Amino acid sequence: MGKNDPMQSLGSNERPAGRGMSMRMGSAGMAVMLVVFLVAVVFAANQNDVIGWLVVIISLGWLLIFGFVVFSLRSAARKAAARLQGHGAFGAPGQSPAGPPAADRARDLKLDHSFKIVQVQVGVVRDYLGKDEGMVERALETIEITSHNARSMMKGSSEGPVEGTVVE
């Protein structure tokens, strides 16, 4: 991890590399808007005419809008960073930002479905054993395909799913 690595600085009190620039830009923009407002006030006070005071009101409105946007974005960014850091979103390399629980849940649901298919096909084999060899053969093929696919989900195998006809 290098000095400018944002992952390294999240755990410490340092700012991440990209965040400091946006904070400085927001502060610089706020300073510019404040200077524009103060200049408008000074000119309006010196000239003492209606147009000068309208410019003051308009610049005050822009200052308030800009301030609202800057402070809302800063607070939203802080909340998002705290949420991401609190949920461990920046985990090990190769780990998705959503983390493993969502992937594990999906895999578990697929495995559960595979086991249900196997249970149904075992019932088919019991019902048709000695009566209809074609039905038993198709049920055994379905069990084989489903078991292969389930094992590949568990092992993370690079082999693709087995193709065939599923009998339910």
Protein backbone atom coordinates (compact mmCIF):
# COMPACT_ATOMS: atom_id res chain seq x y z
CA MET A 1 0.00 0.00 0.00
CA GLY A 2 1.38 3.35 -0.99
CA LYS A 3 1.17 6.72 0.67
CA ASN A 4 -1.67 7.88 -1.59
CA ASP A 5 -3.69 4.67 -1.23
CA PRO A 6 -7.23 5.70 -0.15
CA MET A 7 -7.79 2.30 1.48
CA GLN A 8 -4.85 2.81 3.83
CA SER A 9 -5.87 6.25 4.98
CA LEU A 10 -9.46 5.31 5.82
CA GLY A 11 -8.35 3.62 9.01
CA SER A 12 -6.24 6.55 10.15
CA ASN A 13 -7.03 10.22 10.72
CA GLU A 14 -5.58 11.22 7.34
CA ARG A 15 -7.87 12.26 4.52
CA PRO A 16 -8.12 9.99 1.45
CA ALA A 17 -6.24 11.36 -1.55
CA GLY A 18 -9.32 12.36 -3.63
CA ARG A 19 -11.35 13.84 -0.81
CA GLY A 20 -9.00 16.71 0.11
CA MET A 21 -9.25 18.32 -3.32
CA SER A 22 -13.05 18.43 -3.27
CA MET A 23 -13.04 19.90 0.24
CA ARG A 24 -10.63 22.64 -0.86
CA MET A 25 -12.72 23.37 -3.95
CA GLY A 26 -15.89 23.69 -1.86
CA SER A 27 -14.12 26.00 0.56
CA ALA A 28 -12.64 28.09 -2.28
CA GLY A 29 -16.04 28.35 -3.97
CA MET A 30 -17.65 29.39 -0.71
CA ALA A 31 -14.95 32.06 -0.22
CA VAL A 32 -15.52 33.42 -3.74
CA MET A 33 -19.29 33.59 -3.19
CA LEU A 34 -18.75 35.39 0.13
CA VAL A 35 -16.42 37.93 -1.51
CA VAL A 36 -18.97 38.56 -4.29
CA PHE A 37 -21.65 39.15 -1.67
CA LEU A 38 -19.47 41.54 0.37
CA VAL A 39 -18.42 43.50 -2.74
CA ALA A 40 -22.07 43.81 -3.75
CA VAL A 41 -22.96 45.11 -0.27
CA VAL A 42 -20.14 47.67 -0.34
CA PHE A 43 -21.07 48.95 -3.82
CA ALA A 44 -24.77 49.05 -2.94
CA ALA A 45 -24.05 51.02 0.24
CA ASN A 46 -21.84 53.48 -1.63
CA GLN A 47 -24.21 53.99 -4.54
CA ASN A 48 -27.38 53.73 -2.43
CA ASP A 49 -29.59 52.82 -5.37
CA VAL A 50 -32.21 50.10 -5.90
CA ILE A 51 -30.28 48.15 -8.52
CA GLY A 52 -27.30 47.80 -6.16
CA TRP A 53 -29.50 46.37 -3.42
CA LEU A 54 -31.15 43.98 -5.91
CA VAL A 55 -27.67 42.71 -6.79
CA VAL A 56 -27.00 42.24 -3.05
CA ILE A 57 -30.21 40.22 -2.64
CA ILE A 58 -29.42 38.09 -5.67
CA SER A 59 -25.83 37.44 -4.54
CA LEU A 60 -27.09 36.59 -1.04
CA GLY A 61 -29.52 34.09 -2.58
CA TRP A 62 -26.71 32.48 -4.58
CA LEU A 63 -24.49 32.40 -1.49
CA LEU A 64 -27.22 30.64 0.51
CA ILE A 65 -27.91 28.12 -2.27
CA PHE A 66 -24.20 27.41 -2.72
CA GLY A 67 -23.71 27.04 1.02
CA PHE A 68 -26.64 24.64 1.29
CA VAL A 69 -25.31 22.50 -1.57
CA VAL A 70 -21.74 22.42 -0.24
CA PHE A 71 -22.70 21.56 3.33
CA SER A 72 -25.30 18.95 2.28
CA LEU A 73 -22.82 17.23 -0.01
CA ARG A 74 -20.15 17.24 2.70
CA SER A 75 -22.49 15.72 5.28
CA ALA A 76 -23.77 13.15 2.77
CA ALA A 77 -20.21 12.20 1.86
CA ARG A 78 -19.28 11.82 5.54
CA LYS A 79 -22.34 9.63 6.20
CA ALA A 80 -21.63 7.48 3.13
CA ALA A 81 -17.98 7.05 4.10
CA ALA A 82 -18.96 6.11 7.66
CA ARG A 83 -21.54 3.62 6.38
CA LEU A 84 -19.09 2.04 3.95
CA GLN A 85 -16.35 1.89 6.55
CA GLY A 86 -18.70 0.55 9.24
CA HIS A 87 -20.02 -2.25 7.04
CA GLY A 88 -16.56 -3.35 5.97
CA ALA A 89 -17.18 -2.52 2.35
CA PHE A 90 -13.48 -2.06 1.74
CA GLY A 91 -12.50 -5.64 2.42
CA ALA A 92 -9.83 -7.89 1.03
CA PRO A 93 -8.72 -7.55 -2.60
CA GLY A 94 -11.07 -9.41 -4.90
CA GLN A 95 -13.96 -9.10 -2.48
CA SER A 96 -17.01 -7.30 -3.82
CA PRO A 97 -18.08 -4.02 -2.15
CA ALA A 98 -21.39 -5.59 -1.19
CA GLY A 99 -19.46 -8.23 0.73
CA PRO A 100 -19.99 -11.95 0.82
CA PRO A 101 -23.36 -12.16 2.65
CA ALA A 102 -25.43 -11.35 -0.46
CA ALA A 103 -23.43 -13.78 -2.61
CA ASP A 104 -23.62 -16.47 0.07
CA ARG A 105 -27.37 -16.02 0.37
CA ALA A 106 -27.90 -16.40 -3.38
CA ARG A 107 -25.66 -19.46 -3.50
CA ASP A 108 -27.46 -21.01 -0.54
CA LEU A 109 -30.84 -20.49 -2.22
CA LYS A 110 -29.57 -22.14 -5.42
CA LEU A 111 -28.17 -25.07 -3.44
CA ASP A 112 -31.42 -25.44 -1.52
CA HIS A 113 -33.33 -25.56 -4.81
CA SER A 114 -30.91 -28.20 -6.15
CA PHE A 115 -31.46 -30.39 -3.10
CA LYS A 116 -35.23 -30.08 -3.49
CA ILE A 117 -34.95 -31.22 -7.12
CA VAL A 118 -32.90 -34.24 -6.03
CA GLN A 119 -35.49 -35.12 -3.38
CA VAL A 120 -38.31 -34.95 -5.94
CA GLN A 121 -36.38 -37.12 -8.40
CA VAL A 122 -35.65 -39.71 -5.69
CA GLY A 123 -39.42 -39.95 -5.21
CA VAL A 124 -39.84 -40.42 -8.97
CA VAL A 125 -37.26 -43.24 -8.95
CA ARG A 126 -39.05 -44.97 -6.05
CA ASP A 127 -42.46 -44.63 -7.74
CA TYR A 128 -41.39 -45.87 -11.19
CA LEU A 129 -38.67 -48.42 -10.29
CA GLY A 130 -39.58 -51.65 -12.07
CA LYS A 131 -42.54 -50.00 -13.84
CA ASP A 132 -41.11 -47.48 -16.34
CA GLU A 133 -37.35 -47.71 -17.00
CA GLY A 134 -37.39 -44.58 -19.22
CA MET A 135 -38.82 -42.44 -16.43
CA VAL A 136 -36.30 -43.85 -13.92
CA GLU A 137 -33.43 -43.19 -16.36
CA ARG A 138 -34.53 -39.56 -16.89
CA ALA A 139 -34.90 -39.02 -13.13
CA LEU A 140 -31.38 -40.42 -12.52
CA GLU A 141 -30.02 -38.15 -15.27
CA THR A 142 -31.73 -35.16 -13.62
CA ILE A 143 -30.20 -36.12 -10.26
CA GLU A 144 -26.77 -36.38 -11.90
CA ILE A 145 -27.08 -32.99 -13.61
CA THR A 146 -28.39 -31.25 -10.49
CA SER A 147 -25.70 -32.78 -8.27
CA HIS A 148 -22.96 -31.74 -10.68
CA ASN A 149 -24.25 -28.17 -10.81
CA ALA A 150 -24.58 -28.00 -7.01
CA ARG A 151 -21.03 -29.31 -6.51
CA SER A 152 -19.69 -26.75 -8.97
CA MET A 153 -21.42 -23.97 -6.97
CA MET A 154 -19.85 -25.24 -3.76
CA LYS A 155 -16.34 -25.73 -5.12
CA GLY A 156 -16.27 -22.68 -7.34
CA SER A 157 -15.43 -25.01 -10.23
CA SER A 158 -14.61 -23.47 -13.58
CA GLU A 159 -16.60 -26.18 -15.35
CA GLY A 160 -19.87 -24.92 -16.68
CA PRO A 161 -23.24 -26.38 -15.67
CA VAL A 162 -24.19 -29.74 -17.16
CA GLU A 163 -26.89 -29.48 -19.79
CA GLY A 164 -29.79 -31.87 -20.14
CA THR A 165 -33.50 -32.40 -19.61
CA VAL A 166 -34.80 -31.87 -16.07
CA VAL A 167 -37.79 -34.01 -15.18
CA GLU A 168 -39.98 -32.82 -12.34
